[in-house]
C-alpha atoms as a PDB file:
ATOM      1  CA  UNK A   1      28.416   9.961   6.618  1.00  0.00           C
ATOM      2  CA  UNK A   2      28.909   6.117   6.649  1.00  0.00           C
ATOM      3  CA  UNK A   3      26.420   4.196   4.525  1.00  0.00           C
ATOM      4  CA  UNK A   4      27.746   1.038   5.861  1.00  0.00           C
ATOM      5  CA  UNK A   5      27.289  -0.762   2.843  1.00  0.00           C
ATOM      6  CA  UNK A   6      30.803  -2.573   2.213  1.00  0.00           C
ATOM      7  CA  UNK A   7      30.575  -6.356   1.128  1.00  0.00           C
ATOM      8  CA  UNK A   8      26.987  -5.949   0.507  1.00  0.00           C
ATOM      9  CA  UNK A   9      25.549  -7.587  -2.599  1.00  0.00           C
ATOM     10  CA  UNK A  10      23.833  -5.316  -4.242  1.00  0.00           C
ATOM     11  CA  UNK A  11      21.958  -6.016  -7.541  1.00  0.00           C
ATOM     12  CA  UNK A  12      20.371  -2.927 -10.213  1.00  0.00           C
ATOM     13  CA  UNK A  13      18.668  -3.665 -13.613  1.00  0.00           C
ATOM     14  CA  UNK A  14      18.757  -2.079 -16.377  1.00  0.00           C
ATOM     15  CA  UNK A  15      22.255  -0.573 -15.405  1.00  0.00           C
ATOM     16  CA  UNK A  16      23.836  -0.082 -18.613  1.00  0.00           C
ATOM     17  CA  UNK A  17      23.614   3.794 -18.814  1.00  0.00           C
ATOM     18  CA  UNK A  18      21.302   6.820 -17.212  1.00  0.00           C
ATOM     19  CA  UNK A  19      20.255   6.261 -13.655  1.00  0.00           C
ATOM     20  CA  UNK A  20      20.915   3.057 -12.923  1.00  0.00           C
ATOM     21  CA  UNK A  21      24.237   2.843 -14.302  1.00  0.00           C
ATOM     22  CA  UNK A  22      25.138   5.998 -11.680  1.00  0.00           C
ATOM     23  CA  UNK A  23      23.235   3.821  -8.776  1.00  0.00           C
ATOM     24  CA  UNK A  24      25.504   0.345  -9.659  1.00  0.00           C
ATOM     25  CA  UNK A  25      28.335   3.309  -9.630  1.00  0.00           C
ATOM     26  CA  UNK A  26      27.566   4.743  -6.788  1.00  0.00           C
ATOM     27  CA  UNK A  27      26.952   1.437  -5.022  1.00  0.00           C
ATOM     28  CA  UNK A  28      30.403   0.090  -6.091  1.00  0.00           C
ATOM     29  CA  UNK A  29      32.576   2.915  -4.820  1.00  0.00           C
ATOM     30  CA  UNK A  30      30.446   2.554  -1.141  1.00  0.00           C
ATOM     31  CA  UNK A  31      32.395  -1.318  -1.565  1.00  0.00           C
ATOM     32  CA  UNK A  32      29.535  -3.074  -2.364  1.00  0.00           C
ATOM     33  CA  UNK A  33      29.758  -6.298  -4.479  1.00  0.00           C
ATOM     34  CA  UNK A  34      27.808  -5.347  -7.319  1.00  0.00           C
ATOM     35  CA  UNK A  35      25.895  -7.564 -10.421  1.00  0.00           C
ATOM     36  CA  UNK A  36      24.230  -5.469 -13.609  1.00  0.00           C
ATOM     37  CA  UNK A  37      22.118  -6.022 -15.969  1.00  0.00           C
ATOM     38  CA  UNK A  38      20.885  -5.185 -19.076  1.00  0.00           C
ATOM     39  CA  UNK A  39      19.385  -5.887 -22.710  1.00  0.00           C
ATOM     40  CA  UNK A  40      22.333  -4.775 -24.658  1.00  0.00           C
ATOM     41  CA  UNK A  41      25.410  -6.261 -24.213  1.00  0.00           C
ATOM     42  CA  UNK A  42      27.526  -3.436 -25.647  1.00  0.00           C
ATOM     43  CA  UNK A  43      26.369  -1.006 -23.538  1.00  0.00           C
ATOM     44  CA  UNK A  44      27.057  -3.426 -20.612  1.00  0.00           C
ATOM     45  CA  UNK A  45      30.425  -4.274 -21.156  1.00  0.00           C
ATOM     46  CA  UNK A  46      30.969  -0.373 -21.505  1.00  0.00           C
ATOM     47  CA  UNK A  47      29.035   0.185 -17.949  1.00  0.00           C
ATOM     48  CA  UNK A  48      30.311  -2.346 -16.037  1.00  0.00           C
ATOM     49  CA  UNK A  49      34.377  -1.854 -17.096  1.00  0.00           C
ATOM     50  CA  UNK A  50      33.433   1.530 -16.679  1.00  0.00           C
ATOM     51  CA  UNK A  51      32.293   0.559 -13.063  1.00  0.00           C
ATOM     52  CA  UNK A  52      35.386  -1.739 -12.438  1.00  0.00           C
ATOM     53  CA  UNK A  53      37.838   0.987 -13.680  1.00  0.00           C
ATOM     54  CA  UNK A  54      36.736   3.751 -10.642  1.00  0.00           C
ATOM     55  CA  UNK A  55      36.000   1.498  -8.069  1.00  0.00           C
ATOM     56  CA  UNK A  56      38.662  -0.902  -8.611  1.00  0.00           C
ATOM     57  CA  UNK A  57      36.649  -3.904  -7.731  1.00  0.00           C
ATOM     58  CA  UNK A  58      35.131  -6.437 -10.169  1.00  0.00           C
ATOM     59  CA  UNK A  59      31.629  -6.252 -11.357  1.00  0.00           C
ATOM     60  CA  UNK A  60      29.000  -9.118 -12.332  1.00  0.00           C
ATOM     61  CA  UNK A  61      27.212  -8.632 -15.490  1.00  0.00           C
ATOM     62  CA  UNK A  62      24.518 -10.244 -17.962  1.00  0.00           C
ATOM     63  CA  UNK A  63      22.948  -9.022 -20.709  1.00  0.00           C
ATOM     64  CA  UNK A  64      19.314 -10.048 -20.480  1.00  0.00           C
ATOM     65  CA  UNK A  65      15.645  -9.070 -20.792  1.00  0.00           C
ATOM     66  CA  UNK A  66      14.856  -8.241 -17.203  1.00  0.00           C
ATOM     67  CA  UNK A  67      11.289  -8.646 -17.822  1.00  0.00           C
ATOM     68  CA  UNK A  68      11.844 -12.594 -18.220  1.00  0.00           C
ATOM     69  CA  UNK A  69      10.780 -14.340 -15.585  1.00  0.00           C
ATOM     70  CA  UNK A  70      13.444 -17.554 -16.379  1.00  0.00           C
ATOM     71  CA  UNK A  71      16.390 -15.265 -16.666  1.00  0.00           C
ATOM     72  CA  UNK A  72      15.653 -13.557 -13.391  1.00  0.00           C
ATOM     73  CA  UNK A  73      15.888 -16.325 -11.802  1.00  0.00           C
ATOM     74  CA  UNK A  74      18.853 -18.191 -13.488  1.00  0.00           C
ATOM     75  CA  UNK A  75      20.593 -14.391 -12.868  1.00  0.00           C
ATOM     76  CA  UNK A  76      19.876 -14.546  -9.389  1.00  0.00           C
ATOM     77  CA  UNK A  77      21.151 -17.915  -8.499  1.00  0.00           C
ATOM     78  CA  UNK A  78      24.231 -17.027 -10.468  1.00  0.00           C
ATOM     79  CA  UNK A  79      24.415 -14.070  -8.008  1.00  0.00           C
ATOM     80  CA  UNK A  80      23.989 -16.467  -5.038  1.00  0.00           C
ATOM     81  CA  UNK A  81      26.714 -18.315  -6.145  1.00  0.00           C
ATOM     82  CA  UNK A  82      29.230 -16.017  -6.869  1.00  0.00           C
ATOM     83  CA  UNK A  83      28.564 -12.845  -5.012  1.00  0.00           C
ATOM     84  CA  UNK A  84      26.048 -14.474  -1.888  1.00  0.00           C
ATOM     85  CA  UNK A  85      22.865 -13.711  -1.096  1.00  0.00           C
ATOM     86  CA  UNK A  86      21.108 -10.530  -2.386  1.00  0.00           C
ATOM     87  CA  UNK A  87      21.524  -7.409   0.629  1.00  0.00           C
ATOM     88  CA  UNK A  88      20.317  -4.332  -1.953  1.00  0.00           C
ATOM     89  CA  UNK A  89      17.959  -4.846  -5.077  1.00  0.00           C
ATOM     90  CA  UNK A  90      17.666  -1.986  -7.170  1.00  0.00           C
ATOM     91  CA  UNK A  91      14.524  -2.279  -9.346  1.00  0.00           C
ATOM     92  CA  UNK A  92      15.280  -0.390 -13.226  1.00  0.00           C
ATOM     93  CA  UNK A  93      13.810  -0.773 -16.476  1.00  0.00           C
ATOM     94  CA  UNK A  94      12.973   1.204 -19.314  1.00  0.00           C
ATOM     95  CA  UNK A  95       9.429   2.861 -19.334  1.00  0.00           C
ATOM     96  CA  UNK A  96       6.349   2.039 -22.060  1.00  0.00           C
ATOM     97  CA  UNK A  97       5.833   3.286 -24.945  1.00  0.00           C
ATOM     98  CA  UNK A  98       4.777   6.752 -24.953  1.00  0.00           C
ATOM     99  CA  UNK A  99       1.260   8.605 -26.139  1.00  0.00           C
ATOM    100  CA  UNK A 100      -2.079   9.652 -24.694  1.00  0.00           C
ATOM    101  CA  UNK A 101      -4.272   7.120 -23.036  1.00  0.00           C
ATOM    102  CA  UNK A 102      -6.695   6.414 -26.359  1.00  0.00           C
ATOM    103  CA  UNK A 103      -3.444   6.305 -28.760  1.00  0.00           C
ATOM    104  CA  UNK A 104      -2.298   3.026 -27.423  1.00  0.00           C
ATOM    105  CA  UNK A 105      -4.082  -0.538 -28.197  1.00  0.00           C
ATOM    106  CA  UNK A 106      -4.828  -3.416 -26.162  1.00  0.00           C
ATOM    107  CA  UNK A 107      -1.692  -5.033 -26.970  1.00  0.00           C
ATOM    108  CA  UNK A 108       0.502  -1.630 -25.523  1.00  0.00           C
ATOM    109  CA  UNK A 109      -1.678  -2.042 -22.227  1.00  0.00           C
ATOM    110  CA  UNK A 110      -1.341  -5.862 -21.777  1.00  0.00           C
ATOM    111  CA  UNK A 111       2.235  -5.594 -22.670  1.00  0.00           C
ATOM    112  CA  UNK A 112       2.576  -2.332 -20.242  1.00  0.00           C
ATOM    113  CA  UNK A 113       1.407  -4.658 -17.462  1.00  0.00           C
ATOM    114  CA  UNK A 114       4.064  -7.591 -17.862  1.00  0.00           C
ATOM    115  CA  UNK A 115       7.384  -4.876 -19.041  1.00  0.00           C
ATOM    116  CA  UNK A 116       6.155  -2.396 -16.139  1.00  0.00           C
ATOM    117  CA  UNK A 117       4.044  -3.403 -13.710  1.00  0.00           C
ATOM    118  CA  UNK A 118       4.639  -7.480 -13.230  1.00  0.00           C
ATOM    119  CA  UNK A 119       8.368  -7.366 -13.446  1.00  0.00           C
ATOM    120  CA  UNK A 120       8.940  -5.129 -10.837  1.00  0.00           C
ATOM    121  CA  UNK A 121       6.706  -6.736  -8.915  1.00  0.00           C
ATOM    122  CA  UNK A 122       8.572 -10.510  -9.888  1.00  0.00           C
ATOM    123  CA  UNK A 123      11.467  -9.099  -8.608  1.00  0.00           C
ATOM    124  CA  UNK A 124      10.882  -7.907  -5.360  1.00  0.00           C
ATOM    125  CA  UNK A 125       9.139 -10.451  -4.446  1.00  0.00           C
ATOM    126  CA  UNK A 126      11.687 -13.152  -5.499  1.00  0.00           C
ATOM    127  CA  UNK A 127      14.306 -11.630  -3.717  1.00  0.00           C
ATOM    128  CA  UNK A 128      12.455 -10.296  -0.510  1.00  0.00           C
ATOM    129  CA  UNK A 129      12.269 -13.809   1.496  1.00  0.00           C
ATOM    130  CA  UNK A 130      15.902 -14.679   1.089  1.00  0.00           C
ATOM    131  CA  UNK A 131      16.326 -10.560   2.717  1.00  0.00           C
ATOM    132  CA  UNK A 132      13.434 -11.615   5.449  1.00  0.00           C
ATOM    133  CA  UNK A 133      15.765 -14.471   6.415  1.00  0.00           C
ATOM    134  CA  UNK A 134      18.301 -12.360   6.868  1.00  0.00           C
ATOM    135  CA  UNK A 135      17.055  -9.971   8.835  1.00  0.00           C
ATOM    136  CA  UNK A 136      18.357  -7.207   6.065  1.00  0.00           C
ATOM    137  CA  UNK A 137      17.507  -5.895   3.001  1.00  0.00           C
ATOM    138  CA  UNK A 138      17.260  -2.631   1.060  1.00  0.00           C
ATOM    139  CA  UNK A 139      14.476  -3.241  -1.989  1.00  0.00           C
ATOM    140  CA  UNK A 140      14.562   0.301  -4.069  1.00  0.00           C
ATOM    141  CA  UNK A 141      12.116   0.480  -6.835  1.00  0.00           C
ATOM    142  CA  UNK A 142      12.890   3.480  -9.649  1.00  0.00           C
ATOM    143  CA  UNK A 143       9.774   4.495 -10.813  1.00  0.00           C
ATOM    144  CA  UNK A 144       8.583   7.692 -12.627  1.00  0.00           C
ATOM    145  CA  UNK A 145       7.303  11.250 -10.776  1.00  0.00           C
ATOM    146  CA  UNK A 146       4.364  10.328 -12.941  1.00  0.00           C
ATOM    147  CA  UNK A 147       3.201   8.305  -9.515  1.00  0.00           C
ATOM    148  CA  UNK A 148       2.566  11.611  -8.323  1.00  0.00           C
ATOM    149  CA  UNK A 149       1.241  13.612 -11.296  1.00  0.00           C
ATOM    150  CA  UNK A 150       0.392  11.533 -14.226  1.00  0.00           C
ATOM    151  CA  UNK A 151       2.281  12.990 -17.062  1.00  0.00           C
ATOM    152  CA  UNK A 152       1.286  14.252 -20.832  1.00  0.00           C
ATOM    153  CA  UNK A 153       2.219  11.719 -23.692  1.00  0.00           C
ATOM    154  CA  UNK A 154       3.453   8.737 -20.498  1.00  0.00           C
ATOM    155  CA  UNK A 155      -0.420   7.687 -19.712  1.00  0.00           C
ATOM    156  CA  UNK A 156       0.959   3.664 -19.930  1.00  0.00           C
ATOM    157  CA  UNK A 157       3.775   4.829 -17.792  1.00  0.00           C
ATOM    158  CA  UNK A 158       1.725   6.951 -15.431  1.00  0.00           C
ATOM    159  CA  UNK A 159      -0.270   4.230 -14.835  1.00  0.00           C
ATOM    160  CA  UNK A 160       1.724   1.164 -14.213  1.00  0.00           C
ATOM    161  CA  UNK A 161       4.218   2.929 -12.233  1.00  0.00           C
ATOM    162  CA  UNK A 162       1.239   3.639  -9.847  1.00  0.00           C
ATOM    163  CA  UNK A 163       0.840   0.234  -9.561  1.00  0.00           C
ATOM    164  CA  UNK A 164       4.535  -0.711  -8.774  1.00  0.00           C
ATOM    165  CA  UNK A 165       3.654   1.917  -5.831  1.00  0.00           C
ATOM    166  CA  UNK A 166       0.702  -0.001  -4.371  1.00  0.00           C
ATOM    167  CA  UNK A 167       2.683  -2.911  -4.169  1.00  0.00           C
ATOM    168  CA  UNK A 168       5.648  -1.175  -2.968  1.00  0.00           C
ATOM    169  CA  UNK A 169       3.825  -0.345  -0.075  1.00  0.00           C
ATOM    170  CA  UNK A 170       2.214  -3.486   0.436  1.00  0.00           C
ATOM    171  CA  UNK A 171       5.460  -5.257   0.530  1.00  0.00           C
ATOM    172  CA  UNK A 172       7.054  -3.156   3.120  1.00  0.00           C
ATOM    173  CA  UNK A 173       4.655  -3.684   5.585  1.00  0.00           C
ATOM    174  CA  UNK A 174       5.096  -7.385   5.365  1.00  0.00           C
ATOM    175  CA  UNK A 175       9.205  -7.415   5.833  1.00  0.00           C
ATOM    176  CA  UNK A 176       9.239  -4.267   8.120  1.00  0.00           C
ATOM    177  CA  UNK A 177       9.249  -6.535  11.342  1.00  0.00           C
ATOM    178  CA  UNK A 178      12.401  -8.593   9.438  1.00  0.00           C
ATOM    179  CA  UNK A 179      14.494  -4.978   8.961  1.00  0.00           C
ATOM    180  CA  UNK A 180      13.944  -5.089   5.104  1.00  0.00           C
ATOM    181  CA  UNK A 181      12.759  -1.623   3.382  1.00  0.00           C
ATOM    182  CA  UNK A 182      11.165  -1.163   0.259  1.00  0.00           C
ATOM    183  CA  UNK A 183      10.970   2.436  -1.084  1.00  0.00           C
ATOM    184  CA  UNK A 184      10.246   3.701  -4.448  1.00  0.00           C
ATOM    185  CA  UNK A 185      12.125   7.273  -6.029  1.00  0.00           C
ATOM    186  CA  UNK A 186      10.597   9.156  -8.576  1.00  0.00           C
ATOM    187  CA  UNK A 187      12.813  11.377 -10.623  1.00  0.00           C
ATOM    188  CA  UNK A 188      11.343  14.107 -12.062  1.00  0.00           C
ATOM    189  CA  UNK A 189      13.197  15.506 -15.096  1.00  0.00           C
ATOM    190  CA  UNK A 190      16.688  13.806 -15.252  1.00  0.00           C
ATOM    191  CA  UNK A 191      18.922  13.899 -18.204  1.00  0.00           C
ATOM    192  CA  UNK A 192      18.782  10.195 -19.576  1.00  0.00           C
ATOM    193  CA  UNK A 193      17.504   8.767 -22.847  1.00  0.00           C
ATOM    194  CA  UNK A 194      13.918   8.582 -21.952  1.00  0.00           C
ATOM    195  CA  UNK A 195      13.887  12.436 -21.336  1.00  0.00           C
ATOM    196  CA  UNK A 196      16.038  12.863 -24.696  1.00  0.00           C
ATOM    197  CA  UNK A 197      12.657  10.964 -26.392  1.00  0.00           C
ATOM    198  CA  UNK A 198      10.411  12.371 -24.736  1.00  0.00           C
ATOM    199  CA  UNK A 199      11.401  15.969 -25.405  1.00  0.00           C
ATOM    200  CA  UNK A 200      11.773  14.975 -28.813  1.00  0.00           C
ATOM    201  CA  UNK A 201       8.128  14.370 -28.746  1.00  0.00           C
ATOM    202  CA  UNK A 202       7.099  17.477 -27.643  1.00  0.00           C
ATOM    203  CA  UNK A 203       9.074  19.144 -29.511  1.00  0.00           C
ATOM    204  CA  UNK A 204       7.647  18.070 -32.663  1.00  0.00           C
ATOM    205  CA  UNK A 205       3.946  18.491 -31.281  1.00  0.00           C
ATOM    206  CA  UNK A 206       4.923  21.896 -30.337  1.00  0.00           C
ATOM    207  CA  UNK A 207       7.097  22.513 -34.124  1.00  0.00           C
ATOM    208  CA  UNK A 208      10.147  23.943 -32.028  1.00  0.00           C
ATOM    209  CA  UNK A 209      13.813  22.329 -31.498  1.00  0.00           C
ATOM    210  CA  UNK A 210      14.849  20.268 -29.045  1.00  0.00           C
ATOM    211  CA  UNK A 211      16.635  22.283 -27.501  1.00  0.00           C
ATOM    212  CA  UNK A 212      14.310  24.719 -27.433  1.00  0.00           C
ATOM    213  CA  UNK A 213      11.920  22.029 -25.463  1.00  0.00           C
ATOM    214  CA  UNK A 214      14.696  21.569 -23.243  1.00  0.00           C
ATOM    215  CA  UNK A 215      14.933  24.967 -21.851  1.00  0.00           C
ATOM    216  CA  UNK A 216      11.045  25.311 -21.283  1.00  0.00           C
ATOM    217  CA  UNK A 217      11.200  22.181 -19.811  1.00  0.00           C
ATOM    218  CA  UNK A 218      13.834  22.902 -17.374  1.00  0.00           C
ATOM    219  CA  UNK A 219      12.066  26.509 -17.114  1.00  0.00           C
ATOM    220  CA  UNK A 220       9.243  24.939 -15.190  1.00  0.00           C
ATOM    221  CA  UNK A 221      11.630  23.751 -12.417  1.00  0.00           C
ATOM    222  CA  UNK A 222      12.460  25.420  -9.320  1.00  0.00           C
ATOM    223  CA  UNK A 223      15.897  24.634  -9.101  1.00  0.00           C
ATOM    224  CA  UNK A 224      15.949  26.188 -12.897  1.00  0.00           C
ATOM    225  CA  UNK A 225      17.899  22.860 -14.432  1.00  0.00           C
ATOM    226  CA  UNK A 226      17.303  19.143 -15.622  1.00  0.00           C
ATOM    227  CA  UNK A 227      18.944  17.082 -13.095  1.00  0.00           C
ATOM    228  CA  UNK A 228      21.734  14.909 -13.621  1.00  0.00           C
ATOM    229  CA  UNK A 229      21.562  10.650 -13.136  1.00  0.00           C
ATOM    230  CA  UNK A 230      24.419  11.381 -10.311  1.00  0.00           C
ATOM    231  CA  UNK A 231      22.353  13.930  -8.001  1.00  0.00           C
ATOM    232  CA  UNK A 232      19.446  11.228  -8.372  1.00  0.00           C
ATOM    233  CA  UNK A 233      21.932   8.265  -7.830  1.00  0.00           C
ATOM    234  CA  UNK A 234      22.880  10.335  -4.077  1.00  0.00           C
ATOM    235  CA  UNK A 235      19.287   9.968  -2.934  1.00  0.00           C
ATOM    236  CA  UNK A 236      19.221   5.801  -3.617  1.00  0.00           C
ATOM    237  CA  UNK A 237      22.537   5.711  -1.769  1.00  0.00           C
ATOM    238  CA  UNK A 238      21.230   7.043   1.275  1.00  0.00           C
ATOM    239  CA  UNK A 239      17.902   4.804   0.870  1.00  0.00           C
ATOM    240  CA  UNK A 240      20.181   1.332   0.579  1.00  0.00           C
ATOM    241  CA  UNK A 241      22.010   2.446   3.169  1.00  0.00           C
ATOM    242  CA  UNK A 242      22.098   1.435   7.104  1.00  0.00           C
ATOM    243  CA  UNK A 243      21.317   4.910   8.849  1.00  0.00           C
ATOM    244  CA  UNK A 244      18.133   5.078   6.272  1.00  0.00           C
ATOM    245  CA  UNK A 245      16.575   1.893   8.372  1.00  0.00           C
ATOM    246  CA  UNK A 246      13.779   3.660   9.576  1.00  0.00           C
ATOM    247  CA  UNK A 247      12.889   4.718   5.951  1.00  0.00           C
ATOM    248  CA  UNK A 248      10.230   2.369   4.479  1.00  0.00           C
ATOM    249  CA  UNK A 249       6.581   2.579   2.666  1.00  0.00           C
ATOM    250  CA  UNK A 250       7.823   5.929   1.117  1.00  0.00           C
ATOM    251  CA  UNK A 251       7.595   7.025  -2.367  1.00  0.00           C
ATOM    252  CA  UNK A 252      10.020  10.131  -3.029  1.00  0.00           C
ATOM    253  CA  UNK A 253      10.293  12.841  -5.474  1.00  0.00           C
ATOM    254  CA  UNK A 254      13.745  14.055  -6.601  1.00  0.00           C
ATOM    255  CA  UNK A 255      12.733  16.368  -8.935  1.00  0.00           C
ATOM    256  CA  UNK A 256      14.339  19.991  -8.451  1.00  0.00           C
ATOM    257  CA  UNK A 257      11.141  20.858  -6.481  1.00  0.00           C
ATOM    258  CA  UNK A 258       8.764  20.610  -9.772  1.00  0.00           C
ATOM    259  CA  UNK A 259       5.949  18.507  -8.158  1.00  0.00           C
ATOM    260  CA  UNK A 260       3.397  21.027  -6.575  1.00  0.00           C
ATOM    261  CA  UNK A 261       1.966  18.977  -4.466  1.00  0.00           C
ATOM    262  CA  UNK A 262       2.189  18.380  -0.767  1.00  0.00           C
ATOM    263  CA  UNK A 263       2.205  14.531  -0.195  1.00  0.00           C
END
């Protein structure tokens, strides 16, 4: 399938590793002009060089805190100046601290609102008007399967990411007449640092090894295994594509069949 993405300008947040990196790599291979950002400069540089080597084209990068509005505005201005108007935005970030609802205090809840919910809406609101003016755009939020079924020990994430899905749905209806789509991807168990941390927490509470916990987690998935970032990225690439122009306002799980619900 021809995704028709050559020379589209794509911004991928938190793209130094994991799912963000896999999505940025895939977009670059499809011919996009890619800009990436992440907190840690060494990780970001390694990611950018790897993408450049594989895709054969330069990658704009900046080490920054994606939750800071001033940093967001400065980075988007640089993207427009050096690459052009943003066509594709992939919203991604690390989640709030793990824990049960009563294990967190007021400060943790306040920070989760800023770093997970408001952060996502800030980026979407920043790029949507320019997409509307150009009559084309793709906004994809990488969230979590917890939107559909809250995950034990991830109370803050389950709460805030559901809010992101609500905002994305509202925005999708507003911008759809202009050819802009807004969708949410919900990864299940994908082998990332976040999943490794969660497995370690569960292993400690169950008093088993991390390896044993991974085996137990995989056994819960109909596909029989934990997914890879590249498998997740395939869904993001399709939603970013021209053929996906009639898909908007969706919340799609990528989880090997683990989610038991119908909708």
